[in-house]
Amino acid sequence: MNPELKEIKPLKVTKPDIDFVVEDHELNRFVEDVYGLQDYNVACSEEWSNDTEHRVEARKEELAQYYKDKLKDLSTNSYTLSAIMSDLCNRDLIKPGVYLITVCW
């Protein structure tokens, strides 16, 4: 042990602004159930790697027509997670906040 421990600056830490933690496979199941999809995979849709974590905000907001159109056929659209999260929030199916999505397969 360092005898001069009193001279060491304390470790700086920050409190993460995460409200909810969800595993990718649970989000996949929920999106499939809500939108009537089969084989939805958020990691593939967003091009996320294995053993990663991703911060996504869900908030109630009016979606642009572009995203409303994309939500009509999620089976062929990529990069739609922010629109999905806002839509789920707008429909009171999830709470607004910051979600940490963990990816592991």
Protein backbone atom coordinates (compact mmCIF):
# COMPACT_ATOMS: atom_id res chain seq x y z
CA MET A 1 0.00 0.00 0.00
CA ASN A 2 1.21 3.49 -0.81
CA PRO A 3 2.13 5.24 2.46
CA GLU A 4 1.34 8.60 0.85
CA LEU A 5 -2.25 7.65 0.06
CA LYS A 6 -3.52 10.96 1.43
CA GLU A 7 -1.82 12.74 -1.45
CA ILE A 8 -3.65 10.82 -4.16
CA LYS A 9 -6.50 12.68 -5.82
CA PRO A 10 -9.83 10.87 -5.49
CA LEU A 11 -11.19 9.00 -8.48
CA LYS A 12 -13.57 11.18 -10.50
CA VAL A 13 -16.83 9.42 -11.22
CA THR A 14 -20.06 10.56 -12.74
CA LYS A 15 -23.53 9.27 -12.11
CA PRO A 16 -24.83 7.90 -15.39
CA ASP A 17 -28.09 9.40 -16.56
CA ILE A 18 -29.64 5.98 -17.17
CA ASP A 19 -33.23 5.42 -16.09
CA PHE A 20 -33.76 1.88 -17.37
CA VAL A 21 -31.61 -1.07 -18.45
CA VAL A 22 -33.00 -3.58 -20.94
CA GLU A 23 -31.42 -6.53 -22.73
CA ASP A 24 -31.61 -6.50 -26.51
CA HIS A 25 -33.48 -9.82 -26.73
CA GLU A 26 -36.19 -8.48 -24.39
CA LEU A 27 -36.54 -5.33 -26.50
CA ASN A 28 -36.72 -7.52 -29.62
CA ARG A 29 -39.57 -9.53 -28.11
CA PHE A 30 -41.46 -6.42 -27.03
CA VAL A 31 -41.14 -4.76 -30.46
CA GLU A 32 -42.27 -8.00 -32.14
CA ASP A 33 -45.31 -8.19 -29.86
CA VAL A 34 -46.31 -4.54 -30.28
CA TYR A 35 -45.80 -4.30 -34.06
CA GLY A 36 -46.72 -7.87 -35.00
CA LEU A 37 -43.25 -8.67 -36.35
CA GLN A 38 -41.27 -11.87 -36.52
CA ASP A 39 -37.51 -11.99 -36.06
CA TYR A 40 -36.99 -8.31 -35.25
CA ASN A 41 -33.40 -7.75 -34.13
CA VAL A 42 -32.45 -4.33 -32.79
CA ALA A 43 -28.72 -5.14 -32.92
CA CYS A 44 -28.93 -5.94 -36.63
CA SER A 45 -31.22 -3.02 -37.37
CA GLU A 46 -28.87 -0.58 -35.68
CA GLU A 47 -25.68 -2.45 -36.71
CA TRP A 48 -24.54 -2.99 -33.13
CA SER A 49 -21.80 -5.42 -32.17
CA ASN A 50 -21.92 -8.16 -29.56
CA ASP A 51 -21.08 -7.31 -25.94
CA THR A 52 -21.93 -3.61 -26.29
CA GLU A 53 -24.22 -1.16 -24.55
CA HIS A 54 -26.18 1.63 -26.18
CA ARG A 55 -27.88 4.66 -24.67
CA VAL A 56 -31.24 5.47 -26.24
CA GLU A 57 -33.67 8.14 -25.14
CA ALA A 58 -37.42 7.60 -25.26
CA ARG A 59 -39.56 10.70 -25.16
CA LYS A 60 -43.03 11.74 -26.12
CA GLU A 61 -42.77 13.76 -29.30
CA GLU A 62 -44.53 14.22 -32.59
CA LEU A 63 -42.83 11.99 -35.14
CA ALA A 64 -41.95 13.38 -38.54
CA GLN A 65 -43.89 11.87 -41.44
CA TYR A 66 -40.68 10.20 -42.62
CA TYR A 67 -40.54 8.13 -39.40
CA LYS A 68 -44.28 7.49 -39.36
CA ASP A 69 -43.85 5.93 -42.82
CA LYS A 70 -40.88 3.86 -41.68
CA LEU A 71 -42.86 2.52 -38.71
CA LYS A 72 -45.45 1.10 -41.10
CA ASP A 73 -42.97 -1.53 -42.31
CA LEU A 74 -40.24 -2.16 -39.78
CA SER A 75 -39.24 -5.44 -41.41
CA THR A 76 -37.38 -3.60 -44.15
CA ASN A 77 -36.13 -0.55 -42.29
CA SER A 78 -32.89 -0.01 -40.45
CA TYR A 79 -31.92 2.71 -38.02
CA THR A 80 -35.46 3.19 -36.73
CA LEU A 81 -34.92 2.61 -33.01
CA SER A 82 -35.31 6.24 -31.98
CA ALA A 83 -38.64 6.38 -33.81
CA ILE A 84 -39.73 3.08 -32.27
CA MET A 85 -38.85 4.27 -28.77
CA SER A 86 -40.73 7.55 -29.27
CA ASP A 87 -43.74 5.72 -30.72
CA LEU A 88 -43.80 3.28 -27.77
CA CYS A 89 -43.55 6.24 -25.40
CA ASN A 90 -46.29 8.17 -27.22
CA ARG A 91 -48.54 5.13 -26.88
CA ASP A 92 -47.74 4.87 -23.14
CA LEU A 93 -46.25 1.40 -23.62
CA ILE A 94 -42.91 2.45 -22.12
CA LYS A 95 -41.95 5.26 -19.78
CA PRO A 96 -40.02 8.27 -21.02
CA GLY A 97 -36.38 8.27 -20.06
CA VAL A 98 -32.92 7.08 -20.95
CA TYR A 99 -32.58 3.37 -21.70
CA LEU A 100 -29.34 1.46 -21.68
CA ILE A 101 -29.69 -1.44 -24.11
CA THR A 102 -27.24 -4.26 -23.55
CA VAL A 103 -26.35 -6.48 -26.50
CA CYS A 104 -25.16 -10.01 -25.92
CA TRP A 105 -25.63 -13.09 -28.07
